[in-house]
C-alpha atoms as a PDB file:
ATOM      1  CA  MET A   1      23.167 -22.703  28.181  1.00  0.00           C
ATOM      2  CA  THR A   2      24.390 -23.739  24.783  1.00  0.00           C
ATOM      3  CA  ILE A   3      23.564 -26.321  22.131  1.00  0.00           C
ATOM      4  CA  ALA A   4      25.866 -28.870  24.079  1.00  0.00           C
ATOM      5  CA  ASP A   5      23.781 -28.645  26.915  1.00  0.00           C
ATOM      6  CA  VAL A   6      20.629 -29.790  24.801  1.00  0.00           C
ATOM      7  CA  ALA A   7      22.818 -32.806  23.537  1.00  0.00           C
ATOM      8  CA  SER A   8      24.027 -33.415  27.065  1.00  0.00           C
ATOM      9  CA  HIS A   9      20.116 -33.746  28.090  1.00  0.00           C
ATOM     10  CA  ALA A  10      18.911 -35.523  25.258  1.00  0.00           C
ATOM     11  CA  GLN A  11      21.907 -37.760  25.523  1.00  0.00           C
ATOM     12  CA  VAL A  12      22.622 -37.205  22.109  1.00  0.00           C
ATOM     13  CA  SER A  13      25.198 -35.532  19.920  1.00  0.00           C
ATOM     14  CA  VAL A  14      25.557 -32.104  19.220  1.00  0.00           C
ATOM     15  CA  THR A  15      25.449 -32.648  15.274  1.00  0.00           C
ATOM     16  CA  ALA A  16      22.208 -34.904  15.666  1.00  0.00           C
ATOM     17  CA  VAL A  17      20.320 -31.742  17.906  1.00  0.00           C
ATOM     18  CA  SER A  18      21.824 -29.453  14.999  1.00  0.00           C
ATOM     19  CA  LYS A  19      19.879 -31.855  12.483  1.00  0.00           C
ATOM     20  CA  VAL A  20      16.782 -31.487  14.483  1.00  0.00           C
ATOM     21  CA  ILE A  21      16.840 -27.917  15.056  1.00  0.00           C
ATOM     22  CA  ARG A  22      17.251 -27.768  11.161  1.00  0.00           C
ATOM     23  CA  ASN A  23      14.582 -30.245  10.191  1.00  0.00           C
ATOM     24  CA  ALA A  24      17.513 -32.180   8.322  1.00  0.00           C
ATOM     25  CA  TYR A  25      16.656 -34.780   6.069  1.00  0.00           C
ATOM     26  CA  GLY A  26      17.135 -38.111   8.024  1.00  0.00           C
ATOM     27  CA  VAL A  27      16.715 -37.624  10.995  1.00  0.00           C
ATOM     28  CA  SER A  28      14.143 -40.124  13.283  1.00  0.00           C
ATOM     29  CA  PRO A  29      11.225 -39.518  14.421  1.00  0.00           C
ATOM     30  CA  ALA A  30      12.822 -41.196  18.062  1.00  0.00           C
ATOM     31  CA  MET A  31      15.622 -38.838  17.503  1.00  0.00           C
ATOM     32  CA  LYS A  32      13.142 -35.556  16.782  1.00  0.00           C
ATOM     33  CA  ASP A  33      11.130 -36.421  19.912  1.00  0.00           C
ATOM     34  CA  ARG A  34      14.039 -36.756  22.572  1.00  0.00           C
ATOM     35  CA  VAL A  35      15.745 -33.586  21.155  1.00  0.00           C
ATOM     36  CA  LYS A  36      12.721 -31.611  21.538  1.00  0.00           C
ATOM     37  CA  THR A  37      11.766 -32.940  24.224  1.00  0.00           C
ATOM     38  CA  ALA A  38      15.020 -31.840  26.059  1.00  0.00           C
ATOM     39  CA  ILE A  39      13.967 -28.143  24.593  1.00  0.00           C
ATOM     40  CA  ASP A  40      11.075 -28.051  26.195  1.00  0.00           C
ATOM     41  CA  GLU A  41      12.031 -29.401  29.327  1.00  0.00           C
ATOM     42  CA  LEU A  42      15.213 -26.992  29.814  1.00  0.00           C
ATOM     43  CA  GLY A  43      12.806 -23.731  28.626  1.00  0.00           C
ATOM     44  CA  TYR A  44      14.738 -23.424  25.446  1.00  0.00           C
ATOM     45  CA  ARG A  45      13.069 -21.632  22.395  1.00  0.00           C
ATOM     46  CA  PRO A  46      14.124 -23.459  19.328  1.00  0.00           C
ATOM     47  CA  GLN A  47      15.009 -20.016  17.625  1.00  0.00           C
ATOM     48  CA  ALA A  48      17.283 -19.205  20.232  1.00  0.00           C
ATOM     49  CA  VAL A  49      19.109 -22.394  20.201  1.00  0.00           C
ATOM     50  CA  ALA A  50      19.254 -21.863  16.218  1.00  0.00           C
ATOM     51  CA  ARG A  51      21.118 -18.545  17.006  1.00  0.00           C
ATOM     52  CA  GLY A  52      23.607 -20.231  18.775  1.00  0.00           C
ATOM     53  CA  MET A  53      24.107 -22.990  16.484  1.00  0.00           C
ATOM     54  CA  ARG A  54      23.959 -20.528  13.381  1.00  0.00           C
ATOM     55  CA  GLY A  55      21.565 -22.637  12.136  1.00  0.00           C
ATOM     56  CA  ARG A  56      17.870 -21.452   9.775  1.00  0.00           C
ATOM     57  CA  THR A  57      14.928 -20.569  11.904  1.00  0.00           C
ATOM     58  CA  PHE A  58      12.956 -21.372   8.461  1.00  0.00           C
ATOM     59  CA  THR A  59      11.465 -17.951   8.631  1.00  0.00           C
ATOM     60  CA  ILE A  60      11.185 -14.944   6.463  1.00  0.00           C
ATOM     61  CA  GLY A  61      10.323 -11.321   6.735  1.00  0.00           C
ATOM     62  CA  LEU A  62       7.848  -9.455   4.693  1.00  0.00           C
ATOM     63  CA  VAL A  63       8.110  -5.587   4.981  1.00  0.00           C
ATOM     64  CA  LEU A  64       4.901  -3.801   3.577  1.00  0.00           C
ATOM     65  CA  PRO A  65       4.669  -0.121   3.788  1.00  0.00           C
ATOM     66  CA  HIS A  66       1.615  -0.286   5.426  1.00  0.00           C
ATOM     67  CA  ILE A  67      -1.344  -3.027   5.503  1.00  0.00           C
ATOM     68  CA  ARG A  68      -4.213  -0.745   3.975  1.00  0.00           C
ATOM     69  CA  ASN A  69      -3.842  -0.992   0.261  1.00  0.00           C
ATOM     70  CA  PRO A  70      -5.401  -4.686  -0.931  1.00  0.00           C
ATOM     71  CA  PHE A  71      -2.795  -4.791  -3.732  1.00  0.00           C
ATOM     72  CA  PHE A  72      -0.345  -5.750  -0.732  1.00  0.00           C
ATOM     73  CA  ALA A  73      -2.964  -8.875   0.435  1.00  0.00           C
ATOM     74  CA  ASP A  74      -2.839  -9.756  -3.098  1.00  0.00           C
ATOM     75  CA  ILE A  75       1.154 -10.187  -2.998  1.00  0.00           C
ATOM     76  CA  LEU A  76       0.466 -11.904   0.713  1.00  0.00           C
ATOM     77  CA  ASP A  77      -1.716 -14.223  -0.883  1.00  0.00           C
ATOM     78  CA  GLY A  78       0.713 -15.307  -3.528  1.00  0.00           C
ATOM     79  CA  LEU A  79       3.982 -15.181  -1.069  1.00  0.00           C
ATOM     80  CA  THR A  80       1.694 -17.902   1.460  1.00  0.00           C
ATOM     81  CA  ASP A  81       1.035 -20.240  -1.557  1.00  0.00           C
ATOM     82  CA  TYR A  82       4.459 -20.368  -2.415  1.00  0.00           C
ATOM     83  CA  LEU A  83       5.427 -21.251   1.260  1.00  0.00           C
ATOM     84  CA  GLU A  84       2.845 -23.527   1.551  1.00  0.00           C
ATOM     85  CA  ASP A  85       4.857 -27.062   0.436  1.00  0.00           C
ATOM     86  CA  THR A  86       7.899 -25.378   2.394  1.00  0.00           C
ATOM     87  CA  ASP A  87       9.373 -25.442   5.656  1.00  0.00           C
ATOM     88  CA  TYR A  88       8.987 -21.602   5.567  1.00  0.00           C
ATOM     89  CA  GLN A  89       6.701 -19.217   7.618  1.00  0.00           C
ATOM     90  CA  ALA A  90       6.641 -15.871   6.763  1.00  0.00           C
ATOM     91  CA  PHE A  91       6.170 -12.864   9.368  1.00  0.00           C
ATOM     92  CA  MET A  92       4.621  -9.783   8.162  1.00  0.00           C
ATOM     93  CA  ILE A  93       5.731  -6.106   9.623  1.00  0.00           C
ATOM     94  CA  GLN A  94       4.581  -2.494   8.886  1.00  0.00           C
ATOM     95  CA  GLY A  95       7.394  -0.499   7.382  1.00  0.00           C
ATOM     96  CA  GLY A  96       5.717   2.901   7.788  1.00  0.00           C
ATOM     97  CA  ALA A  97       5.592   6.241   6.027  1.00  0.00           C
ATOM     98  CA  THR A  98       9.154   7.281   7.127  1.00  0.00           C
ATOM     99  CA  ARG A  99      12.720   5.792   6.431  1.00  0.00           C
ATOM    100  CA  LYS A 100      13.130   5.963  10.334  1.00  0.00           C
ATOM    101  CA  VAL A 101      10.551   3.338  10.770  1.00  0.00           C
ATOM    102  CA  GLU A 102      11.163   1.443   7.720  1.00  0.00           C
ATOM    103  CA  ARG A 103      14.927   0.917   9.381  1.00  0.00           C
ATOM    104  CA  ARG A 104      13.625   0.115  12.462  1.00  0.00           C
ATOM    105  CA  ALA A 105      11.221  -2.578  11.376  1.00  0.00           C
ATOM    106  CA  VAL A 106      13.873  -4.391   9.173  1.00  0.00           C
ATOM    107  CA  ASP A 107      16.324  -3.785  12.146  1.00  0.00           C
ATOM    108  CA  ALA A 108      13.614  -5.998  14.396  1.00  0.00           C
ATOM    109  CA  LEU A 109      13.599  -8.633  11.623  1.00  0.00           C
ATOM    110  CA  MET A 110      17.645  -9.240  11.838  1.00  0.00           C
ATOM    111  CA  ASP A 111      17.461  -9.281  15.143  1.00  0.00           C
ATOM    112  CA  ARG A 112      14.935 -12.296  15.207  1.00  0.00           C
ATOM    113  CA  GLN A 113      17.185 -14.064  13.170  1.00  0.00           C
ATOM    114  CA  VAL A 114      14.936 -14.498   9.812  1.00  0.00           C
ATOM    115  CA  ASP A 115      16.174 -16.200   6.974  1.00  0.00           C
ATOM    116  CA  GLY A 116      15.629 -13.830   4.524  1.00  0.00           C
ATOM    117  CA  ILE A 117      13.843 -10.682   3.888  1.00  0.00           C
ATOM    118  CA  ILE A 118      11.308  -9.554   1.411  1.00  0.00           C
ATOM    119  CA  MET A 119      10.731  -5.643   1.248  1.00  0.00           C
ATOM    120  CA  VAL A 120       7.497  -4.126  -1.118  1.00  0.00           C
ATOM    121  CA  ALA A 121       8.225  -0.560  -1.860  1.00  0.00           C
ATOM    122  CA  PRO A 122      10.949   0.237   0.469  1.00  0.00           C
ATOM    123  CA  LEU A 123      11.897   3.660   1.267  1.00  0.00           C
ATOM    124  CA  ALA A 124      15.441   3.244   1.695  1.00  0.00           C
ATOM    125  CA  SER A 125      18.110   4.304  -0.327  1.00  0.00           C
ATOM    126  CA  LYS A 126      19.609   1.501  -2.896  1.00  0.00           C
ATOM    127  CA  ALA A 127      22.925   2.131  -0.212  1.00  0.00           C
ATOM    128  CA  ARG A 128      20.938   0.927   2.864  1.00  0.00           C
ATOM    129  CA  LEU A 129      19.088  -2.029   0.538  1.00  0.00           C
ATOM    130  CA  GLU A 130      22.525  -3.650  -0.088  1.00  0.00           C
ATOM    131  CA  GLU A 131      23.694  -3.364   3.149  1.00  0.00           C
ATOM    132  CA  VAL A 132      20.865  -5.215   4.619  1.00  0.00           C
ATOM    133  CA  ALA A 133      20.963  -7.490   1.456  1.00  0.00           C
ATOM    134  CA  LYS A 134      24.842  -8.359   2.621  1.00  0.00           C
ATOM    135  CA  GLU A 135      23.619  -9.661   5.808  1.00  0.00           C
ATOM    136  CA  LYS A 136      20.400 -11.115   4.734  1.00  0.00           C
ATOM    137  CA  PRO A 137      19.166 -12.921   1.505  1.00  0.00           C
ATOM    138  CA  THR A 138      16.993 -10.176   0.200  1.00  0.00           C
ATOM    139  CA  VAL A 139      14.075  -9.580  -2.448  1.00  0.00           C
ATOM    140  CA  VAL A 140      12.807  -5.996  -3.335  1.00  0.00           C
ATOM    141  CA  LEU A 141       9.573  -5.589  -4.746  1.00  0.00           C
ATOM    142  CA  ALA A 142       8.214  -2.576  -6.935  1.00  0.00           C
ATOM    143  CA  ARG A 143      11.553  -1.011  -7.000  1.00  0.00           C
ATOM    144  CA  HIS A 144      13.338  -0.855 -10.881  1.00  0.00           C
ATOM    145  CA  GLU A 145      16.896  -0.270  -9.924  1.00  0.00           C
ATOM    146  CA  ARG A 146      19.348  -2.769 -10.773  1.00  0.00           C
ATOM    147  CA  SER A 147      21.836  -4.537  -7.775  1.00  0.00           C
ATOM    148  CA  SER A 148      24.314  -7.208  -7.370  1.00  0.00           C
ATOM    149  CA  TYR A 149      23.200  -8.048  -4.159  1.00  0.00           C
ATOM    150  CA  TYR A 150      19.509  -8.443  -4.251  1.00  0.00           C
ATOM    151  CA  ASP A 151      16.778  -9.799  -6.745  1.00  0.00           C
ATOM    152  CA  SER A 152      14.084  -7.570  -8.028  1.00  0.00           C
ATOM    153  CA  VAL A 153      10.402  -8.221  -8.553  1.00  0.00           C
ATOM    154  CA  PHE A 154       8.345  -5.462 -10.315  1.00  0.00           C
ATOM    155  CA  GLY A 155       5.520  -4.958 -12.959  1.00  0.00           C
ATOM    156  CA  ASP A 156       6.193  -3.446 -16.315  1.00  0.00           C
ATOM    157  CA  ASP A 157       4.873  -0.051 -15.170  1.00  0.00           C
ATOM    158  CA  GLU A 158       5.887   1.703 -18.364  1.00  0.00           C
ATOM    159  CA  ALA A 159       3.561  -0.651 -20.519  1.00  0.00           C
ATOM    160  CA  GLY A 160       0.856  -0.470 -17.726  1.00  0.00           C
ATOM    161  CA  ALA A 161       0.792   3.023 -17.926  1.00  0.00           C
ATOM    162  CA  GLU A 162       0.843   3.420 -21.831  1.00  0.00           C
ATOM    163  CA  LEU A 163      -1.943   0.737 -22.100  1.00  0.00           C
ATOM    164  CA  VAL A 164      -4.760   3.017 -19.756  1.00  0.00           C
ATOM    165  CA  VAL A 165      -3.709   6.301 -21.138  1.00  0.00           C
ATOM    166  CA  GLN A 166      -4.112   4.952 -24.662  1.00  0.00           C
ATOM    167  CA  HIS A 167      -7.319   3.074 -23.786  1.00  0.00           C
ATOM    168  CA  LEU A 168      -8.830   6.585 -22.455  1.00  0.00           C
ATOM    169  CA  ILE A 169      -7.801   8.433 -25.521  1.00  0.00           C
ATOM    170  CA  GLU A 170      -8.571   5.886 -27.823  1.00  0.00           C
ATOM    171  CA  LEU A 171     -12.395   6.367 -26.257  1.00  0.00           C
ATOM    172  CA  GLY A 172     -12.391   9.939 -27.789  1.00  0.00           C
ATOM    173  CA  HIS A 173     -10.822  11.870 -24.537  1.00  0.00           C
ATOM    174  CA  ARG A 174      -8.432  14.563 -25.101  1.00  0.00           C
ATOM    175  CA  ARG A 175      -8.398  16.140 -21.620  1.00  0.00           C
ATOM    176  CA  VAL A 176      -6.960  13.235 -20.010  1.00  0.00           C
ATOM    177  CA  ALA A 177      -5.540  13.991 -15.884  1.00  0.00           C
ATOM    178  CA  HIS A 178      -3.225  12.180 -14.053  1.00  0.00           C
ATOM    179  CA  ILE A 179      -2.706  11.758 -10.273  1.00  0.00           C
ATOM    180  CA  THR A 180       0.537  10.549  -9.058  1.00  0.00           C
ATOM    181  CA  HIS A 181       2.172   9.853  -5.626  1.00  0.00           C
ATOM    182  CA  GLN A 182       4.660  11.496  -3.284  1.00  0.00           C
ATOM    183  CA  ASP A 183       6.863   9.817  -0.751  1.00  0.00           C
ATOM    184  CA  ASP A 184      10.171   9.761   1.750  1.00  0.00           C
ATOM    185  CA  SER A 185      11.869   7.472  -0.733  1.00  0.00           C
ATOM    186  CA  GLN A 186      15.251   7.839  -1.156  1.00  0.00           C
ATOM    187  CA  ALA A 187      15.443   5.775  -4.518  1.00  0.00           C
ATOM    188  CA  ARG A 188      16.227   7.531  -7.808  1.00  0.00           C
ATOM    189  CA  PRO A 189      13.435   8.995  -9.125  1.00  0.00           C
ATOM    190  CA  ALA A 190      13.446   6.842 -12.604  1.00  0.00           C
ATOM    191  CA  ASP A 191      13.412   3.400 -10.323  1.00  0.00           C
ATOM    192  CA  LEU A 192      10.220   4.484  -8.588  1.00  0.00           C
ATOM    193  CA  LEU A 193       7.054   3.255 -10.045  1.00  0.00           C
ATOM    194  CA  HIS A 194       4.691   5.982  -9.305  1.00  0.00           C
ATOM    195  CA  ASN A 195       7.374   8.515 -11.581  1.00  0.00           C
ATOM    196  CA  ILE A 196       7.288   5.674 -14.236  1.00  0.00           C
ATOM    197  CA  ARG A 197       3.536   5.675 -14.705  1.00  0.00           C
ATOM    198  CA  SER A 198       3.959   9.697 -14.492  1.00  0.00           C
ATOM    199  CA  ALA A 199       6.244  10.033 -17.100  1.00  0.00           C
ATOM    200  CA  THR A 200       4.491   7.501 -19.222  1.00  0.00           C
ATOM    201  CA  TYR A 201       1.372   9.237 -19.193  1.00  0.00           C
ATOM    202  CA  GLU A 202       3.143  12.587 -20.018  1.00  0.00           C
ATOM    203  CA  ARG A 203       5.060  10.950 -22.931  1.00  0.00           C
ATOM    204  CA  VAL A 204       1.784   9.044 -24.549  1.00  0.00           C
ATOM    205  CA  MET A 205      -0.224  12.361 -24.052  1.00  0.00           C
ATOM    206  CA  ARG A 206       2.457  14.300 -26.015  1.00  0.00           C
ATOM    207  CA  GLU A 207       2.693  11.505 -28.639  1.00  0.00           C
ATOM    208  CA  GLN A 208      -1.068  11.792 -29.241  1.00  0.00           C
ATOM    209  CA  GLY A 209      -0.730  15.575 -29.837  1.00  0.00           C
ATOM    210  CA  LEU A 210      -2.423  16.320 -26.085  1.00  0.00           C
ATOM    211  CA  GLY A 211       0.609  17.710 -24.477  1.00  0.00           C
ATOM    212  CA  ASP A 212      -0.939  20.967 -23.907  1.00  0.00           C
ATOM    213  CA  GLU A 213      -4.078  19.017 -21.907  1.00  0.00           C
ATOM    214  CA  ILE A 214      -1.458  17.251 -19.547  1.00  0.00           C
ATOM    215  CA  ALA A 215      -3.029  17.896 -15.802  1.00  0.00           C
ATOM    216  CA  VAL A 216      -0.917  16.112 -13.197  1.00  0.00           C
ATOM    217  CA  ALA A 217      -2.374  16.266  -9.374  1.00  0.00           C
ATOM    218  CA  THR A 218       0.897  15.011  -6.948  1.00  0.00           C
ATOM    219  CA  SER A 219      -0.568  13.444  -3.962  1.00  0.00           C
ATOM    220  CA  PHE A 220      -0.761  10.305  -2.562  1.00  0.00           C
ATOM    221  CA  TYR A 221      -1.606   6.997  -3.409  1.00  0.00           C
ATOM    222  CA  HIS A 222      -4.303   6.348  -0.754  1.00  0.00           C
ATOM    223  CA  GLU A 223      -7.911   7.229  -1.382  1.00  0.00           C
ATOM    224  CA  LYS A 224      -7.304  10.709   0.539  1.00  0.00           C
ATOM    225  CA  GLY A 225      -4.579  11.234  -1.791  1.00  0.00           C
ATOM    226  CA  GLY A 226      -6.981  10.694  -4.995  1.00  0.00           C
ATOM    227  CA  TYR A 227      -9.768  12.412  -3.208  1.00  0.00           C
ATOM    228  CA  GLU A 228      -7.750  15.571  -3.010  1.00  0.00           C
ATOM    229  CA  GLY A 229      -6.243  15.198  -6.378  1.00  0.00           C
ATOM    230  CA  ALA A 230      -9.436  14.574  -7.880  1.00  0.00           C
ATOM    231  CA  ARG A 231     -10.741  17.646  -6.226  1.00  0.00           C
ATOM    232  CA  GLU A 232      -7.723  19.516  -7.461  1.00  0.00           C
ATOM    233  CA  LEU A 233      -7.899  18.705 -11.157  1.00  0.00           C
ATOM    234  CA  LEU A 234     -11.968  18.754 -11.246  1.00  0.00           C
ATOM    235  CA  SER A 235     -11.633  22.611 -10.236  1.00  0.00           C
ATOM    236  CA  ARG A 236      -9.499  23.419 -13.342  1.00  0.00           C
ATOM    237  CA  SER A 237     -11.413  24.878 -16.441  1.00  0.00           C
ATOM    238  CA  PRO A 238     -12.174  23.312 -18.647  1.00  0.00           C
ATOM    239  CA  ARG A 239     -11.967  20.480 -16.237  1.00  0.00           C
ATOM    240  CA  PRO A 240     -10.852  17.056 -17.539  1.00  0.00           C
ATOM    241  CA  THR A 241     -13.249  14.109 -19.219  1.00  0.00           C
ATOM    242  CA  ALA A 242     -11.005  11.376 -17.587  1.00  0.00           C
ATOM    243  CA  ILE A 243      -8.839  10.716 -15.003  1.00  0.00           C
ATOM    244  CA  PHE A 244      -6.316   8.270 -14.313  1.00  0.00           C
ATOM    245  CA  ALA A 245      -5.197   7.767 -10.584  1.00  0.00           C
ATOM    246  CA  GLY A 246      -1.720   5.839 -10.322  1.00  0.00           C
ATOM    247  CA  ALA A 247      -3.552   3.064  -8.413  1.00  0.00           C
ATOM    248  CA  ASP A 248      -6.970   1.803  -7.265  1.00  0.00           C
ATOM    249  CA  GLN A 249      -6.997   3.428  -3.815  1.00  0.00           C
ATOM    250  CA  ALA A 250      -6.332   6.804  -5.198  1.00  0.00           C
ATOM    251  CA  ALA A 251      -8.818   5.980  -8.032  1.00  0.00           C
ATOM    252  CA  LEU A 252     -11.390   5.365  -4.878  1.00  0.00           C
ATOM    253  CA  GLY A 253     -11.075   8.598  -3.537  1.00  0.00           C
ATOM    254  CA  ALA A 254     -11.261  10.011  -7.243  1.00  0.00           C
ATOM    255  CA  LEU A 255     -14.779   8.297  -7.559  1.00  0.00           C
ATOM    256  CA  ALA A 256     -16.050   9.951  -4.615  1.00  0.00           C
ATOM    257  CA  ALA A 257     -14.714  13.420  -5.446  1.00  0.00           C
ATOM    258  CA  VAL A 258     -16.360  13.320  -8.660  1.00  0.00           C
ATOM    259  CA  HIS A 259     -19.653  12.121  -6.980  1.00  0.00           C
ATOM    260  CA  GLU A 260     -19.207  14.844  -4.736  1.00  0.00           C
ATOM    261  CA  ALA A 261     -19.203  17.564  -7.146  1.00  0.00           C
ATOM    262  CA  GLY A 262     -22.381  16.388  -8.663  1.00  0.00           C
ATOM    263  CA  LEU A 263     -20.954  14.537 -11.662  1.00  0.00           C
ATOM    264  CA  SER A 264     -21.450  11.008 -12.759  1.00  0.00           C
ATOM    265  CA  VAL A 265     -18.900   7.977 -13.572  1.00  0.00           C
ATOM    266  CA  PRO A 266     -18.462   7.476 -16.503  1.00  0.00           C
ATOM    267  CA  ALA A 267     -20.805  10.135 -18.299  1.00  0.00           C
ATOM    268  CA  ASP A 268     -19.058  12.977 -17.289  1.00  0.00           C
ATOM    269  CA  VAL A 269     -15.830  11.965 -15.929  1.00  0.00           C
ATOM    270  CA  SER A 270     -14.061   8.563 -16.621  1.00  0.00           C
ATOM    271  CA  VAL A 271     -12.003   7.139 -13.769  1.00  0.00           C
ATOM    272  CA  ALA A 272      -9.457   4.612 -14.170  1.00  0.00           C
ATOM    273  CA  GLY A 273      -6.838   2.751 -11.744  1.00  0.00           C
ATOM    274  CA  TYR A 274      -3.788   0.626 -11.504  1.00  0.00           C
ATOM    275  CA  ASP A 275      -3.383  -2.886  -9.517  1.00  0.00           C
ATOM    276  CA  ASN A 276      -6.952  -4.443 -10.415  1.00  0.00           C
ATOM    277  CA  THR A 277      -7.455  -5.521  -6.633  1.00  0.00           C
ATOM    278  CA  HIS A 278     -10.279  -7.195  -5.494  1.00  0.00           C
ATOM    279  CA  LEU A 279     -12.348  -4.188  -4.904  1.00  0.00           C
ATOM    280  CA  ALA A 280     -12.068  -2.836  -8.627  1.00  0.00           C
ATOM    281  CA  ALA A 281     -13.937  -5.823  -9.685  1.00  0.00           C
ATOM    282  CA  LEU A 282     -17.235  -5.387  -7.542  1.00  0.00           C
ATOM    283  CA  PRO A 283     -20.198  -4.200  -9.284  1.00  0.00           C
ATOM    284  CA  ASN A 284     -20.945  -0.826  -7.685  1.00  0.00           C
ATOM    285  CA  ILE A 285     -17.398   0.397  -8.321  1.00  0.00           C
ATOM    286  CA  ALA A 286     -16.739  -1.281 -11.724  1.00  0.00           C
ATOM    287  CA  LEU A 287     -12.896   0.229 -12.010  1.00  0.00           C
ATOM    288  CA  THR A 288     -11.356   0.124 -15.119  1.00  0.00           C
ATOM    289  CA  SER A 289      -7.557  -0.942 -13.776  1.00  0.00           C
ATOM    290  CA  VAL A 290      -4.468  -1.915 -14.989  1.00  0.00           C
ATOM    291  CA  ASP A 291      -3.459  -5.867 -13.520  1.00  0.00           C
ATOM    292  CA  GLN A 292      -0.008  -6.497 -12.779  1.00  0.00           C
ATOM    293  CA  ASP A 293      -0.726  -9.893 -10.897  1.00  0.00           C
ATOM    294  CA  GLY A 294       0.145  -9.368  -7.273  1.00  0.00           C
ATOM    295  CA  GLY A 295      -0.148 -12.990  -6.474  1.00  0.00           C
ATOM    296  CA  GLU A 296       2.384 -13.705  -9.026  1.00  0.00           C
ATOM    297  CA  MET A 297       4.716 -11.165  -7.775  1.00  0.00           C
ATOM    298  CA  GLY A 298       4.257 -12.695  -4.395  1.00  0.00           C
ATOM    299  CA  ARG A 299       5.147 -16.270  -5.434  1.00  0.00           C
ATOM    300  CA  ALA A 300       7.969 -15.287  -7.308  1.00  0.00           C
ATOM    301  CA  ALA A 301       9.386 -13.252  -4.219  1.00  0.00           C
ATOM    302  CA  GLY A 302       9.063 -16.345  -2.284  1.00  0.00           C
ATOM    303  CA  LYS A 303      11.092 -18.610  -4.821  1.00  0.00           C
ATOM    304  CA  LEU A 304      13.588 -16.362  -5.730  1.00  0.00           C
ATOM    305  CA  LEU A 305      13.986 -15.593  -1.919  1.00  0.00           C
ATOM    306  CA  LEU A 306      14.710 -19.039  -1.054  1.00  0.00           C
ATOM    307  CA  GLU A 307      16.686 -19.609  -3.901  1.00  0.00           C
ATOM    308  CA  ARG A 308      18.912 -16.819  -2.134  1.00  0.00           C
ATOM    309  CA  ILE A 309      18.838 -18.430   1.226  1.00  0.00           C
ATOM    310  CA  GLU A 310      19.667 -21.700  -0.740  1.00  0.00           C
ATOM    311  CA  GLY A 311      23.161 -19.863  -1.945  1.00  0.00           C
ATOM    312  CA  ARG A 312      22.320 -18.326  -5.203  1.00  0.00           C
ATOM    313  CA  MET A 313      24.706 -15.455  -5.568  1.00  0.00           C
ATOM    314  CA  THR A 314      23.831 -14.155  -9.043  1.00  0.00           C
ATOM    315  CA  PRO A 315      20.907 -11.588  -9.343  1.00  0.00           C
ATOM    316  CA  VAL A 316      17.552 -12.165 -10.559  1.00  0.00           C
ATOM    317  CA  ARG A 317      15.111  -9.478 -12.031  1.00  0.00           C
ATOM    318  CA  PHE A 318      11.457 -10.595 -12.650  1.00  0.00           C
ATOM    319  CA  SER A 319       9.362  -8.525 -14.381  1.00  0.00           C
ATOM    320  CA  VAL A 320       5.403  -9.070 -14.570  1.00  0.00           C
ATOM    321  CA  THR A 321       3.929  -7.840 -17.993  1.00  0.00           C
ATOM    322  CA  PRO A 322       0.452  -6.324 -16.913  1.00  0.00           C
ATOM    323  CA  SER A 323      -2.986  -6.230 -18.616  1.00  0.00           C
ATOM    324  CA  LEU A 324      -5.879  -3.891 -19.058  1.00  0.00           C
ATOM    325  CA  VAL A 325      -8.969  -4.911 -17.266  1.00  0.00           C
ATOM    326  CA  VAL A 326     -11.910  -2.563 -18.839  1.00  0.00           C
ATOM    327  CA  ARG A 327     -14.891  -1.985 -16.616  1.00  0.00           C
ATOM    328  CA  GLY A 328     -17.803   0.377 -16.225  1.00  0.00           C
ATOM    329  CA  SER A 329     -16.079   3.357 -15.075  1.00  0.00           C
ATOM    330  CA  THR A 330     -14.628   4.344 -18.846  1.00  0.00           C
ATOM    331  CA  ALA A 331     -16.682   5.488 -21.685  1.00  0.00           C
ATOM    332  CA  PRO A 332     -16.450   7.767 -24.547  1.00  0.00           C
ATOM    333  CA  PRO A 333     -16.599  11.272 -23.118  1.00  0.00           C
ATOM    334  CA  GLY A 334     -20.599  12.604 -22.385  1.00  0.00           C
ATOM    335  CA  GLY A 335     -21.607  15.052 -20.088  1.00  0.00           C
ATOM    336  CA  ALA A 336     -18.252  16.833 -19.842  1.00  0.00           C
ATOM    337  CA  GLY A 337     -18.391  17.794 -23.811  1.00  0.00           C
ATOM    338  CA  GLY A 338     -15.395  15.977 -25.184  1.00  0.00           C
END
C-alpha cells in the first residue's frame, strides 16, 4: 500500500495527502478530516505514510546517557518549553554507559524516522557523530569539539571550574581536592567537560602557588562515584579542607562520605559541586554549585535543531556562561585546621 492508495481512498490528490501529513499551511479542515479518515480506515499509522513519502514526522530524538542526573531533567524541561509552540514532540531514549548501547539507541531513533537528534554528553567518536549528522540534523550537548556537520551546545567549563576553585581558595583553603570522572568516550580528551574542569582545577591551584596541594580522585559523576572519591581523598594525610566535585551528583556522594567519617560540612570540610541542580538548593543540602543553566541549554538545542531541520547547513556553537551560586556547604577552613 502506498500514499496513492490513501489518496484514492480519500478521493483526493497525492499532493493533498502529503500536505495533510506534513501539516502544511493552507489545508482546509474538511480536507484534513477526509485524509485522516482514510488513513484510519486503511489502518495506516501516519509515520509509516510519512516514511513512504519521505516527509516529516515532526518528532525529534533526545539521547541522554541516563535519567538519574537531575541536570538532564533541566535540559529536557528547556527543550520541552521551546517545542511547546511548535508542531514537534521530543522522544527521550537512554544512551547507556557504553558506546554499543548508545549506538543502538541512536539507530532506534533513525529507524523511527525522527526528523533530528539531540545527543547529550555522547560517548561516540567525532567521526561517528558526523556519520549520524550526515543522515539526520544533529545537535550535540556537552562536547567542546568543532564540526562542520552538527551544532554544539555547551557550558564554559573552564570559566565555571575557575569560579569554584577561586572561591574555595579565597575562603582561605589551601588543601583543595577534586573529584573527576572517567567514561567510555572516544572523544578527544581535551573536548570532554570533565577533563576541562579537572585541568582548570589544577591550573588554578598552580597559579595560586598551591601546586603541591593538588589532590585528584578519578571516579564517576554519580553519587557512588562521589562517595568513593571523597573517601579516598579523606583518607589522605593531611586530609583536604575542601572538595570540589565536578558534578552535583558526585558532590552529594561526597557529602555522605564526609558525614560518615564523623566530620561536618562546612566546619571540617567544605564541599562544592557543578550544575546547580534543584537538589543543591534544598535547605538540608545547601550545596555551593556552578550554575550553567540547563534549561537554556535545552532551549538552545531545540532552536538550533529546528533550524537544521529547516535547512541551515552552517554549523553553530552555543556557549552558556556559568555563574557561581554560593550556599552553606562552603566556608573558611575551621575544624580541619586550615
